[in-house]
Amino acid sequence: MQDLLAATVADKAWNRKQGRLIISRINKLFKNFPQTEYQVGINYYAPDKGYSLFFSIKKKGTYQRSIPLARYPNLSFTNLLAILTVVRQTYHFTFTYTNFTSEQRKQLYRKVDRQ
């Protein structure tokens, strides 16, 4: 029981650290220009059973630019939820989810998008 509690605390700390790391990467890219759309894209990649996060910038009249933020192979869905919740507390960009099941999308909308 003690080991399980220690692992849970370590996971929470790791999730917060990863969330702050993503936030710091977004801070470097976000300039708040007028007529510019910003999005965070989260993709599930089945062969790795992992996730990739991208920051998309679309200025009016130009092509969209997508910059990789992080890649997490073999990450559990619950850890992804925790990381995205940390990011959502700072930034309220549109989050787009690709290659997720409908049940996972529902959980993402409930737990992350409604923060």
PDB file of N, CA and C in Angstrom:
ATOM      1  N   MET A   1       0.824  -1.198   0.000  1.00  0.00           N
ATOM      2  CA  MET A   1       0.000   0.000   0.000  1.00  0.00           C
ATOM      3  C   MET A   1       0.868   1.261   0.000  1.00  0.00           C
ATOM      4  N   GLN A   2       1.932   1.230   0.782  1.00  0.00           N
ATOM      5  CA  GLN A   2       2.841   2.369   0.870  1.00  0.00           C
ATOM      6  C   GLN A   2       3.513   2.637  -0.479  1.00  0.00           C
ATOM      7  N   ASP A   3       3.889   1.551  -1.189  1.00  0.00           N
ATOM      8  CA  ASP A   3       4.525   1.701  -2.502  1.00  0.00           C
ATOM      9  C   ASP A   3       3.562   2.310  -3.512  1.00  0.00           C
ATOM     10  N   LEU A   4       2.304   1.903  -3.446  1.00  0.00           N
ATOM     11  CA  LEU A   4       1.295   2.443  -4.352  1.00  0.00           C
ATOM     12  C   LEU A   4       1.097   3.936  -4.109  1.00  0.00           C
ATOM     13  N   LEU A   5       1.068   4.336  -2.858  1.00  0.00           N
ATOM     14  CA  LEU A   5       0.918   5.744  -2.514  1.00  0.00           C
ATOM     15  C   LEU A   5       2.123   6.550  -2.994  1.00  0.00           C
ATOM     16  N   ALA A   6       3.310   6.018  -2.815  1.00  0.00           N
ATOM     17  CA  ALA A   6       4.525   6.701  -3.269  1.00  0.00           C
ATOM     18  C   ALA A   6       4.537   6.832  -4.788  1.00  0.00           C
ATOM     19  N   ALA A   7       4.092   5.793  -5.482  1.00  0.00           N
ATOM     20  CA  ALA A   7       4.037   5.842  -6.948  1.00  0.00           C
ATOM     21  C   ALA A   7       3.026   6.880  -7.415  1.00  0.00           C
ATOM     22  N   THR A   8       1.894   6.972  -6.727  1.00  0.00           N
ATOM     23  CA  THR A   8       0.869   7.949  -7.090  1.00  0.00           C
ATOM     24  C   THR A   8       1.380   9.371  -6.892  1.00  0.00           C
ATOM     25  N   VAL A   9       2.057   9.618  -5.792  1.00  0.00           N
ATOM     26  CA  VAL A   9       2.618  10.943  -5.528  1.00  0.00           C
ATOM     27  C   VAL A   9       3.678  11.277  -6.572  1.00  0.00           C
ATOM     28  N   ALA A  10       4.500  10.301  -6.927  1.00  0.00           N
ATOM     29  CA  ALA A  10       5.529  10.519  -7.945  1.00  0.00           C
ATOM     30  C   ALA A  10       4.893  10.815  -9.299  1.00  0.00           C
ATOM     31  N   ASP A  11       3.808  10.099  -9.637  1.00  0.00           N
ATOM     32  CA  ASP A  11       3.103  10.358 -10.896  1.00  0.00           C
ATOM     33  C   ASP A  11       2.541  11.773 -10.931  1.00  0.00           C
ATOM     34  N   LYS A  12       1.952  12.204  -9.832  1.00  0.00           N
ATOM     35  CA  LYS A  12       1.384  13.550  -9.788  1.00  0.00           C
ATOM     36  C   LYS A  12       2.469  14.604  -9.974  1.00  0.00           C
ATOM     37  N   ALA A  13       3.593  14.408  -9.329  1.00  0.00           N
ATOM     38  CA  ALA A  13       4.698  15.359  -9.470  1.00  0.00           C
ATOM     39  C   ALA A  13       5.226  15.357 -10.900  1.00  0.00           C
ATOM     40  N   TRP A  14       5.346  14.168 -11.492  1.00  0.00           N
ATOM     41  CA  TRP A  14       5.824  14.073 -12.872  1.00  0.00           C
ATOM     42  C   TRP A  14       4.835  14.738 -13.828  1.00  0.00           C
ATOM     43  N   ASN A  15       3.536  14.529 -13.612  1.00  0.00           N
ATOM     44  CA  ASN A  15       2.513  15.147 -14.462  1.00  0.00           C
ATOM     45  C   ASN A  15       2.579  16.666 -14.380  1.00  0.00           C
ATOM     46  N   ARG A  16       2.720  17.196 -13.169  1.00  0.00           N
ATOM     47  CA  ARG A  16       2.827  18.652 -13.008  1.00  0.00           C
ATOM     48  C   ARG A  16       4.078  19.184 -13.700  1.00  0.00           C
ATOM     49  N   LYS A  17       5.173  18.456 -13.555  1.00  0.00           N
ATOM     50  CA  LYS A  17       6.427  18.877 -14.185  1.00  0.00           C
ATOM     51  C   LYS A  17       6.281  18.893 -15.704  1.00  0.00           C
ATOM     52  N   GLN A  18       5.665  17.870 -16.264  1.00  0.00           N
ATOM     53  CA  GLN A  18       5.467  17.817 -17.713  1.00  0.00           C
ATOM     54  C   GLN A  18       4.521  18.923 -18.174  1.00  0.00           C
ATOM     55  N   GLY A  19       3.489  19.184 -17.395  1.00  0.00           N
ATOM     56  CA  GLY A  19       2.571  20.277 -17.722  1.00  0.00           C
ATOM     57  C   GLY A  19       3.285  21.620 -17.739  1.00  0.00           C
ATOM     58  N   ARG A  20       4.128  21.851 -16.744  1.00  0.00           N
ATOM     59  CA  ARG A  20       4.891  23.110 -16.696  1.00  0.00           C
ATOM     60  C   ARG A  20       5.892  23.198 -17.846  1.00  0.00           C
ATOM     61  N   LEU A  21       6.454  22.066 -18.238  1.00  0.00           N
ATOM     62  CA  LEU A  21       7.383  22.041 -19.368  1.00  0.00           C
ATOM     63  C   LEU A  21       6.672  22.440 -20.661  1.00  0.00           C
ATOM     64  N   ILE A  22       5.481  21.915 -20.871  1.00  0.00           N
ATOM     65  CA  ILE A  22       4.694  22.275 -22.054  1.00  0.00           C
ATOM     66  C   ILE A  22       4.321  23.753 -22.011  1.00  0.00           C
ATOM     67  N   ILE A  23       3.937  24.239 -20.839  1.00  0.00           N
ATOM     68  CA  ILE A  23       3.596  25.659 -20.686  1.00  0.00           C
ATOM     69  C   ILE A  23       4.795  26.537 -21.027  1.00  0.00           C
ATOM     70  N   SER A  24       5.977  26.157 -20.580  1.00  0.00           N
ATOM     71  CA  SER A  24       7.165  26.965 -20.886  1.00  0.00           C
ATOM     72  C   SER A  24       7.457  26.974 -22.382  1.00  0.00           C
ATOM     73  N   ARG A  25       7.201  25.860 -23.055  1.00  0.00           N
ATOM     74  CA  ARG A  25       7.403  25.824 -24.510  1.00  0.00           C
ATOM     75  C   ARG A  25       6.373  26.687 -25.229  1.00  0.00           C
ATOM     76  N   ILE A  26       5.140  26.677 -24.741  1.00  0.00           N
ATOM     77  CA  ILE A  26       4.110  27.539 -25.338  1.00  0.00           C
ATOM     78  C   ILE A  26       4.454  29.004 -25.091  1.00  0.00           C
ATOM     79  N   ASN A  27       4.957  29.321 -23.903  1.00  0.00           N
ATOM     80  CA  ASN A  27       5.337  30.707 -23.592  1.00  0.00           C
ATOM     81  C   ASN A  27       6.319  31.266 -24.616  1.00  0.00           C
ATOM     82  N   LYS A  28       7.239  30.436 -25.067  1.00  0.00           N
ATOM     83  CA  LYS A  28       8.234  30.883 -26.045  1.00  0.00           C
ATOM     84  C   LYS A  28       7.615  31.139 -27.417  1.00  0.00           C
ATOM     85  N   LEU A  29       6.519  30.445 -27.724  1.00  0.00           N
ATOM     86  CA  LEU A  29       5.917  30.530 -29.053  1.00  0.00           C
ATOM     87  C   LEU A  29       4.748  31.510 -29.136  1.00  0.00           C
ATOM     88  N   PHE A  30       4.071  31.740 -28.032  1.00  0.00           N
ATOM     89  CA  PHE A  30       2.855  32.552 -28.033  1.00  0.00           C
ATOM     90  C   PHE A  30       3.196  34.036 -28.006  1.00  0.00           C
ATOM     91  N   LYS A  31       2.736  34.761 -29.039  1.00  0.00           N
ATOM     92  CA  LYS A  31       3.034  36.190 -29.151  1.00  0.00           C
ATOM     93  C   LYS A  31       1.789  37.072 -29.095  1.00  0.00           C
ATOM     94  N   ASN A  32       0.609  36.508 -29.126  1.00  0.00           N
ATOM     95  CA  ASN A  32      -0.663  37.233 -29.054  1.00  0.00           C
ATOM     96  C   ASN A  32      -0.791  38.310 -30.132  1.00  0.00           C
ATOM     97  N   PHE A  33      -0.521  37.926 -31.368  1.00  0.00           N
ATOM     98  CA  PHE A  33      -0.707  38.830 -32.494  1.00  0.00           C
ATOM     99  C   PHE A  33      -2.187  38.920 -32.833  1.00  0.00           C
ATOM    100  N   PRO A  34      -2.645  40.079 -33.317  1.00  0.00           N
ATOM    101  CA  PRO A  34      -4.047  40.175 -33.734  1.00  0.00           C
ATOM    102  C   PRO A  34      -4.296  39.308 -34.971  1.00  0.00           C
ATOM    103  N   GLN A  35      -5.515  38.857 -35.114  1.00  0.00           N
ATOM    104  CA  GLN A  35      -5.961  38.025 -36.228  1.00  0.00           C
ATOM    105  C   GLN A  35      -5.123  36.753 -36.376  1.00  0.00           C
ATOM    106  N   THR A  36      -4.781  36.170 -35.250  1.00  0.00           N
ATOM    107  CA  THR A  36      -4.010  34.932 -35.237  1.00  0.00           C
ATOM    108  C   THR A  36      -4.725  33.923 -34.355  1.00  0.00           C
ATOM    109  N   GLU A  37      -4.860  32.706 -34.856  1.00  0.00           N
ATOM    110  CA  GLU A  37      -5.489  31.630 -34.094  1.00  0.00           C
ATOM    111  C   GLU A  37      -4.405  30.725 -33.517  1.00  0.00           C
ATOM    112  N   TYR A  38      -4.599  30.339 -32.273  1.00  0.00           N
ATOM    113  CA  TYR A  38      -3.673  29.430 -31.602  1.00  0.00           C
ATOM    114  C   TYR A  38      -4.450  28.202 -31.137  1.00  0.00           C
ATOM    115  N   GLN A  39      -3.862  27.025 -31.318  1.00  0.00           N
ATOM    116  CA  GLN A  39      -4.481  25.774 -30.884  1.00  0.00           C
ATOM    117  C   GLN A  39      -3.419  24.836 -30.347  1.00  0.00           C
ATOM    118  N   VAL A  40      -3.852  23.969 -29.453  1.00  0.00           N
ATOM    119  CA  VAL A  40      -3.002  22.875 -28.991  1.00  0.00           C
ATOM    120  C   VAL A  40      -3.615  21.597 -29.535  1.00  0.00           C
ATOM    121  N   GLY A  41      -2.840  20.866 -30.308  1.00  0.00           N
ATOM    122  CA  GLY A  41      -3.314  19.613 -30.886  1.00  0.00           C
ATOM    123  C   GLY A  41      -2.733  18.430 -30.135  1.00  0.00           C
ATOM    124  N   ILE A  42      -3.595  17.483 -29.804  1.00  0.00           N
ATOM    125  CA  ILE A  42      -3.167  16.276 -29.110  1.00  0.00           C
ATOM    126  C   ILE A  42      -3.514  15.094 -30.000  1.00  0.00           C
ATOM    127  N   ASN A  43      -2.513  14.321 -30.369  1.00  0.00           N
ATOM    128  CA  ASN A  43      -2.701  13.179 -31.263  1.00  0.00           C
ATOM    129  C   ASN A  43      -2.358  11.890 -30.531  1.00  0.00           C
ATOM    130  N   TYR A  44      -3.225  10.900 -30.709  1.00  0.00           N
ATOM    131  CA  TYR A  44      -2.918   9.560 -30.201  1.00  0.00           C
ATOM    132  C   TYR A  44      -2.271   8.779 -31.329  1.00  0.00           C
ATOM    133  N   TYR A  45      -1.145   8.149 -31.034  1.00  0.00           N
ATOM    134  CA  TYR A  45      -0.430   7.361 -32.027  1.00  0.00           C
ATOM    135  C   TYR A  45      -0.431   5.910 -31.568  1.00  0.00           C
ATOM    136  N   ALA A  46      -1.235   5.076 -32.230  1.00  0.00           N
ATOM    137  CA  ALA A  46      -1.486   3.703 -31.785  1.00  0.00           C
ATOM    138  C   ALA A  46      -0.244   2.809 -31.725  1.00  0.00           C
ATOM    139  N   PRO A  47       0.664   2.829 -32.717  1.00  0.00           N
ATOM    140  CA  PRO A  47       1.813   1.915 -32.617  1.00  0.00           C
ATOM    141  C   PRO A  47       2.668   2.133 -31.365  1.00  0.00           C
ATOM    142  N   ASP A  48       2.816   3.379 -30.947  1.00  0.00           N
ATOM    143  CA  ASP A  48       3.575   3.680 -29.727  1.00  0.00           C
ATOM    144  C   ASP A  48       2.710   3.614 -28.476  1.00  0.00           C
ATOM    145  N   LYS A  49       1.406   3.587 -28.672  1.00  0.00           N
ATOM    146  CA  LYS A  49       0.456   3.751 -27.563  1.00  0.00           C
ATOM    147  C   LYS A  49       0.816   5.004 -26.784  1.00  0.00           C
ATOM    148  N   GLY A  50       1.071   6.053 -27.535  1.00  0.00           N
ATOM    149  CA  GLY A  50       1.507   7.300 -26.927  1.00  0.00           C
ATOM    150  C   GLY A  50       0.836   8.499 -27.564  1.00  0.00           C
ATOM    151  N   TYR A  51       1.248   9.664 -27.119  1.00  0.00           N
ATOM    152  CA  TYR A  51       0.607  10.905 -27.523  1.00  0.00           C
ATOM    153  C   TYR A  51       1.652  11.922 -27.960  1.00  0.00           C
ATOM    154  N   SER A  52       1.252  12.756 -28.903  1.00  0.00           N
ATOM    155  CA  SER A  52       2.083  13.869 -29.352  1.00  0.00           C
ATOM    156  C   SER A  52       1.278  15.148 -29.186  1.00  0.00           C
ATOM    157  N   LEU A  53       1.937  16.195 -28.727  1.00  0.00           N
ATOM    158  CA  LEU A  53       1.283  17.486 -28.554  1.00  0.00           C
ATOM    159  C   LEU A  53       1.938  18.497 -29.482  1.00  0.00           C
ATOM    160  N   PHE A  54       1.095  19.302 -30.125  1.00  0.00           N
ATOM    161  CA  PHE A  54       1.559  20.306 -31.070  1.00  0.00           C
ATOM    162  C   PHE A  54       0.925  21.647 -30.743  1.00  0.00           C
ATOM    163  N   PHE A  55       1.640  22.712 -31.058  1.00  0.00           N
ATOM    164  CA  PHE A  55       1.112  24.063 -30.926  1.00  0.00           C
ATOM    165  C   PHE A  55       0.947  24.612 -32.332  1.00  0.00           C
ATOM    166  N   SER A  56      -0.275  24.951 -32.700  1.00  0.00           N
ATOM    167  CA  SER A  56      -0.570  25.423 -34.053  1.00  0.00           C
ATOM    168  C   SER A  56      -0.820  26.922 -34.044  1.00  0.00           C
ATOM    169  N   ILE A  57      -0.202  27.592 -35.004  1.00  0.00           N
ATOM    170  CA  ILE A  57      -0.345  29.035 -35.164  1.00  0.00           C
ATOM    171  C   ILE A  57      -0.856  29.297 -36.572  1.00  0.00           C
ATOM    172  N   LYS A  58      -1.948  30.030 -36.681  1.00  0.00           N
ATOM    173  CA  LYS A  58      -2.539  30.338 -37.988  1.00  0.00           C
ATOM    174  C   LYS A  58      -2.820  31.827 -38.053  1.00  0.00           C
ATOM    175  N   LYS A  59      -1.957  32.549 -38.766  1.00  0.00           N
ATOM    176  CA  LYS A  59      -2.191  33.973 -38.995  1.00  0.00           C
ATOM    177  C   LYS A  59      -3.124  34.121 -40.184  1.00  0.00           C
ATOM    178  N   LYS A  60      -3.930  35.163 -40.165  1.00  0.00           N
ATOM    179  CA  LYS A  60      -4.881  35.388 -41.246  1.00  0.00           C
ATOM    180  C   LYS A  60      -4.132  35.553 -42.567  1.00  0.00           C
ATOM    181  N   GLY A  61      -4.567  34.794 -43.567  1.00  0.00           N
ATOM    182  CA  GLY A  61      -3.975  34.895 -44.889  1.00  0.00           C
ATOM    183  C   GLY A  61      -2.697  34.097 -45.074  1.00  0.00           C
ATOM    184  N   THR A  62      -2.338  33.267 -44.094  1.00  0.00           N
ATOM    185  CA  THR A  62      -1.129  32.448 -44.223  1.00  0.00           C
ATOM    186  C   THR A  62      -1.471  30.996 -43.919  1.00  0.00           C
ATOM    187  N   TYR A  63      -0.517  30.136 -44.158  1.00  0.00           N
ATOM    188  CA  TYR A  63      -0.690  28.728 -43.838  1.00  0.00           C
ATOM    189  C   TYR A  63      -0.520  28.495 -42.342  1.00  0.00           C
ATOM    190  N   GLN A  64      -1.145  27.439 -41.877  1.00  0.00           N
ATOM    191  CA  GLN A  64      -1.013  27.063 -40.471  1.00  0.00           C
ATOM    192  C   GLN A  64       0.365  26.470 -40.227  1.00  0.00           C
ATOM    193  N   ARG A  65       0.929  26.807 -39.097  1.00  0.00           N
ATOM    194  CA  ARG A  65       2.234  26.280 -38.699  1.00  0.00           C
ATOM    195  C   ARG A  65       2.039  25.457 -37.431  1.00  0.00           C
ATOM    196  N   SER A  66       2.533  24.249 -37.437  1.00  0.00           N
ATOM    197  CA  SER A  66       2.365  23.352 -36.301  1.00  0.00           C
ATOM    198  C   SER A  66       3.738  22.993 -35.739  1.00  0.00           C
ATOM    199  N   ILE A  67       3.949  23.309 -34.468  1.00  0.00           N
ATOM    200  CA  ILE A  67       5.243  23.099 -33.825  1.00  0.00           C
ATOM    201  C   ILE A  67       5.102  22.010 -32.762  1.00  0.00           C
ATOM    202  N   PRO A  68       5.937  20.982 -32.807  1.00  0.00           N
ATOM    203  CA  PRO A  68       5.847  19.926 -31.786  1.00  0.00           C
ATOM    204  C   PRO A  68       6.200  20.463 -30.399  1.00  0.00           C
ATOM    205  N   LEU A  69       5.386  20.097 -29.423  1.00  0.00           N
ATOM    206  CA  LEU A  69       5.642  20.496 -28.035  1.00  0.00           C
ATOM    207  C   LEU A  69       6.214  19.347 -27.214  1.00  0.00           C
ATOM    208  N   ALA A  70       5.620  18.174 -27.375  1.00  0.00           N
ATOM    209  CA  ALA A  70       6.056  17.027 -26.577  1.00  0.00           C
ATOM    210  C   ALA A  70       5.587  15.739 -27.231  1.00  0.00           C
ATOM    211  N   ARG A  71       6.288  14.677 -26.914  1.00  0.00           N
ATOM    212  CA  ARG A  71       5.913  13.344 -27.396  1.00  0.00           C
ATOM    213  C   ARG A  71       6.054  12.387 -26.225  1.00  0.00           C
ATOM    214  N   TYR A  72       4.995  11.635 -25.966  1.00  0.00           N
ATOM    215  CA  TYR A  72       4.973  10.725 -24.826  1.00  0.00           C
ATOM    216  C   TYR A  72       4.627   9.313 -25.278  1.00  0.00           C
ATOM    217  N   PRO A  73       5.613   8.481 -25.595  1.00  0.00           N
ATOM    218  CA  PRO A  73       5.301   7.085 -25.917  1.00  0.00           C
ATOM    219  C   PRO A  73       4.938   6.324 -24.641  1.00  0.00           C
ATOM    220  N   ASN A  74       4.022   5.406 -24.771  1.00  0.00           N
ATOM    221  CA  ASN A  74       3.596   4.547 -23.651  1.00  0.00           C
ATOM    222  C   ASN A  74       3.084   5.331 -22.446  1.00  0.00           C
ATOM    223  N   LEU A  75       2.404   6.416 -22.685  1.00  0.00           N
ATOM    224  CA  LEU A  75       1.823   7.213 -21.600  1.00  0.00           C
ATOM    225  C   LEU A  75       0.387   6.757 -21.370  1.00  0.00           C
ATOM    226  N   SER A  76       0.006   6.639 -20.125  1.00  0.00           N
ATOM    227  CA  SER A  76      -1.375   6.242 -19.835  1.00  0.00           C
ATOM    228  C   SER A  76      -2.316   7.420 -20.086  1.00  0.00           C
ATOM    229  N   PHE A  77      -3.560   7.083 -20.359  1.00  0.00           N
ATOM    230  CA  PHE A  77      -4.560   8.112 -20.636  1.00  0.00           C
ATOM    231  C   PHE A  77      -4.803   8.984 -19.406  1.00  0.00           C
ATOM    232  N   THR A  78      -4.770   8.405 -18.221  1.00  0.00           N
ATOM    233  CA  THR A  78      -4.985   9.196 -17.003  1.00  0.00           C
ATOM    234  C   THR A  78      -3.851  10.199 -16.790  1.00  0.00           C
ATOM    235  N   ASN A  79      -2.628   9.813 -17.116  1.00  0.00           N
ATOM    236  CA  ASN A  79      -1.520  10.765 -17.011  1.00  0.00           C
ATOM    237  C   ASN A  79      -1.670  11.885 -18.037  1.00  0.00           C
ATOM    238  N   LEU A  80      -2.137  11.541 -19.231  1.00  0.00           N
ATOM    239  CA  LEU A  80      -2.385  12.576 -20.239  1.00  0.00           C
ATOM    240  C   LEU A  80      -3.421  13.573 -19.735  1.00  0.00           C
ATOM    241  N   LEU A  81      -4.489  13.076 -19.142  1.00  0.00           N
ATOM    242  CA  LEU A  81      -5.519  13.960 -18.588  1.00  0.00           C
ATOM    243  C   LEU A  81      -4.921  14.916 -17.556  1.00  0.00           C
ATOM    244  N   ALA A  82      -4.075  14.390 -16.696  1.00  0.00           N
ATOM    245  CA  ALA A  82      -3.471  15.223 -15.653  1.00  0.00           C
ATOM    246  C   ALA A  82      -2.553  16.289 -16.256  1.00  0.00           C
ATOM    247  N   ILE A  83      -1.774  15.919 -17.256  1.00  0.00           N
ATOM    248  CA  ILE A  83      -0.871  16.880 -17.904  1.00  0.00           C
ATOM    249  C   ILE A  83      -1.673  17.976 -18.598  1.00  0.00           C
ATOM    250  N   LEU A  84      -2.702  17.585 -19.335  1.00  0.00           N
ATOM    251  CA  LEU A  84      -3.509  18.574 -20.052  1.00  0.00           C
ATOM    252  C   LEU A  84      -4.269  19.487 -19.097  1.00  0.00           C
ATOM    253  N   THR A  85      -4.648  18.971 -17.952  1.00  0.00           N
ATOM    254  CA  THR A  85      -5.329  19.798 -16.955  1.00  0.00           C
ATOM    255  C   THR A  85      -4.400  20.898 -16.448  1.00  0.00           C
ATOM    256  N   VAL A  86      -3.137  20.574 -16.244  1.00  0.00           N
ATOM    257  CA  VAL A  86      -2.156  21.579 -15.817  1.00  0.00           C
ATOM    258  C   VAL A  86      -1.997  22.649 -16.896  1.00  0.00           C
ATOM    259  N   VAL A  87      -1.915  22.225 -18.149  1.00  0.00           N
ATOM    260  CA  VAL A  87      -1.774  23.183 -19.254  1.00  0.00           C
ATOM    261  C   VAL A  87      -3.024  24.055 -19.358  1.00  0.00           C
ATOM    262  N   ARG A  88      -4.188  23.450 -19.208  1.00  0.00           N
ATOM    263  CA  ARG A  88      -5.457  24.174 -19.333  1.00  0.00           C
ATOM    264  C   ARG A  88      -5.612  25.241 -18.248  1.00  0.00           C
ATOM    265  N   GLN A  89      -5.027  25.036 -17.090  1.00  0.00           N
ATOM    266  CA  GLN A  89      -5.128  26.021 -16.019  1.00  0.00           C
ATOM    267  C   GLN A  89      -4.422  27.324 -16.389  1.00  0.00           C
ATOM    268  N   THR A  90      -3.433  27.248 -17.273  1.00  0.00           N
ATOM    269  CA  THR A  90      -2.705  28.443 -17.695  1.00  0.00           C
ATOM    270  C   THR A  90      -3.237  28.998 -19.007  1.00  0.00           C
ATOM    271  N   TYR A  91      -3.429  28.134 -19.978  1.00  0.00           N
ATOM    272  CA  TYR A  91      -3.854  28.561 -21.309  1.00  0.00           C
ATOM    273  C   TYR A  91      -5.210  27.973 -21.653  1.00  0.00           C
ATOM    274  N   HIS A  92      -6.049  28.793 -22.255  1.00  0.00           N
ATOM    275  CA  HIS A  92      -7.389  28.353 -22.649  1.00  0.00           C
ATOM    276  C   HIS A  92      -7.533  28.348 -24.167  1.00  0.00           C
ATOM    277  N   PHE A  93      -6.490  27.883 -24.834  1.00  0.00           N
ATOM    278  CA  PHE A  93      -6.550  27.726 -26.282  1.00  0.00           C
ATOM    279  C   PHE A  93      -7.529  26.608 -26.623  1.00  0.00           C
ATOM    280  N   THR A  94      -7.893  26.549 -27.892  1.00  0.00           N
ATOM    281  CA  THR A  94      -8.677  25.421 -28.370  1.00  0.00           C
ATOM    282  C   THR A  94      -7.790  24.185 -28.362  1.00  0.00           C
ATOM    283  N   PHE A  95      -8.284  23.113 -27.780  1.00  0.00           N
ATOM    284  CA  PHE A  95      -7.580  21.833 -27.798  1.00  0.00           C
ATOM    285  C   PHE A  95      -8.254  20.960 -28.847  1.00  0.00           C
ATOM    286  N   THR A  96      -7.476  20.409 -29.760  1.00  0.00           N
ATOM    287  CA  THR A  96      -8.030  19.498 -30.762  1.00  0.00           C
ATOM    288  C   THR A  96      -7.481  18.100 -30.502  1.00  0.00           C
ATOM    289  N   TYR A  97      -8.366  17.120 -30.584  1.00  0.00           N
ATOM    290  CA  TYR A  97      -8.009  15.739 -30.268  1.00  0.00           C
ATOM    291  C   TYR A  97      -8.143  14.884 -31.527  1.00  0.00           C
ATOM    292  N   THR A  98      -7.081  14.171 -31.872  1.00  0.00           N
ATOM    293  CA  THR A  98      -7.070  13.346 -33.074  1.00  0.00           C
ATOM    294  C   THR A  98      -6.789  11.893 -32.700  1.00  0.00           C
ATOM    295  N   ASN A  99      -7.523  10.985 -33.323  1.00  0.00           N
ATOM    296  CA  ASN A  99      -7.365   9.531 -33.157  1.00  0.00           C
ATOM    297  C   ASN A  99      -7.736   9.031 -31.760  1.00  0.00           C
ATOM    298  N   PHE A 100      -8.669   9.680 -31.110  1.00  0.00           N
ATOM    299  CA  PHE A 100      -9.161   9.227 -29.815  1.00  0.00           C
ATOM    300  C   PHE A 100     -10.504   8.534 -30.008  1.00  0.00           C
ATOM    301  N   THR A 101     -10.813   7.604 -29.124  1.00  0.00           N
ATOM    302  CA  THR A 101     -12.130   6.969 -29.169  1.00  0.00           C
ATOM    303  C   THR A 101     -13.176   7.961 -28.674  1.00  0.00           C
ATOM    304  N   SER A 102     -14.426   7.669 -28.952  1.00  0.00           N
ATOM    305  CA  SER A 102     -15.490   8.584 -28.523  1.00  0.00           C
ATOM    306  C   SER A 102     -15.553   8.673 -26.996  1.00  0.00           C
ATOM    307  N   GLU A 103     -15.297   7.572 -26.314  1.00  0.00           N
ATOM    308  CA  GLU A 103     -15.308   7.592 -24.845  1.00  0.00           C
ATOM    309  C   GLU A 103     -14.156   8.453 -24.303  1.00  0.00           C
ATOM    310  N   GLN A 104     -13.003   8.341 -24.916  1.00  0.00           N
ATOM    311  CA  GLN A 104     -11.868   9.164 -24.487  1.00  0.00           C
ATOM    312  C   GLN A 104     -12.136  10.642 -24.753  1.00  0.00           C
ATOM    313  N   ARG A 105     -12.749  10.940 -25.885  1.00  0.00           N
ATOM    314  CA  ARG A 105     -13.093  12.340 -26.180  1.00  0.00           C
ATOM    315  C   ARG A 105     -14.048  12.904 -25.135  1.00  0.00           C
ATOM    316  N   LYS A 106     -15.023  12.101 -24.744  1.00  0.00           N
ATOM    317  CA  LYS A 106     -15.964  12.550 -23.716  1.00  0.00           C
ATOM    318  C   LYS A 106     -15.231  12.873 -22.422  1.00  0.00           C
ATOM    319  N   GLN A 107     -14.312  12.002 -22.034  1.00  0.00           N
ATOM    320  CA  GLN A 107     -13.544  12.253 -20.812  1.00  0.00           C
ATOM    321  C   GLN A 107     -12.679  13.497 -20.954  1.00  0.00           C
ATOM    322  N   LEU A 108     -12.062  13.670 -22.110  1.00  0.00           N
ATOM    323  CA  LEU A 108     -11.240  14.857 -22.338  1.00  0.00           C
ATOM    324  C   LEU A 108     -12.084  16.122 -22.260  1.00  0.00           C
ATOM    325  N   TYR A 109     -13.253  16.107 -22.881  1.00  0.00           N
ATOM    326  CA  TYR A 109     -14.121  17.282 -22.843  1.00  0.00           C
ATOM    327  C   TYR A 109     -14.581  17.579 -21.416  1.00  0.00           C
ATOM    328  N   ARG A 110     -14.898  16.523 -20.666  1.00  0.00           N
ATOM    329  CA  ARG A 110     -15.377  16.717 -19.292  1.00  0.00           C
ATOM    330  C   ARG A 110     -14.279  17.189 -18.351  1.00  0.00           C
ATOM    331  N   LYS A 111     -13.120  16.566 -18.436  1.00  0.00           N
ATOM    332  CA  LYS A 111     -12.087  16.817 -17.430  1.00  0.00           C
ATOM    333  C   LYS A 111     -11.089  17.905 -17.811  1.00  0.00           C
ATOM    334  N   VAL A 112     -10.885  18.119 -19.092  1.00  0.00           N
ATOM    335  CA  VAL A 112      -9.879  19.101 -19.508  1.00  0.00           C
ATOM    336  C   VAL A 112     -10.535  20.373 -20.029  1.00  0.00           C
ATOM    337  N   ASP A 113     -11.448  20.233 -20.963  1.00  0.00           N
ATOM    338  CA  ASP A 113     -12.017  21.410 -21.617  1.00  0.00           C
ATOM    339  C   ASP A 113     -12.935  22.219 -20.713  1.00  0.00           C
ATOM    340  N   ARG A 114     -13.433  21.639 -19.682  1.00  0.00           N
ATOM    341  CA  ARG A 114     -14.352  22.366 -18.792  1.00  0.00           C
ATOM    342  C   ARG A 114     -13.649  22.943 -17.573  1.00  0.00           C
ATOM    343  N   GLN A 115     -12.362  23.082 -17.640  1.00  0.00           N
ATOM    344  CA  GLN A 115     -11.597  23.631 -16.514  1.00  0.00           C
ATOM    345  C   GLN A 115     -11.814  25.114 -16.406  1.00  0.00           C
TER     346      GLN A 115
END
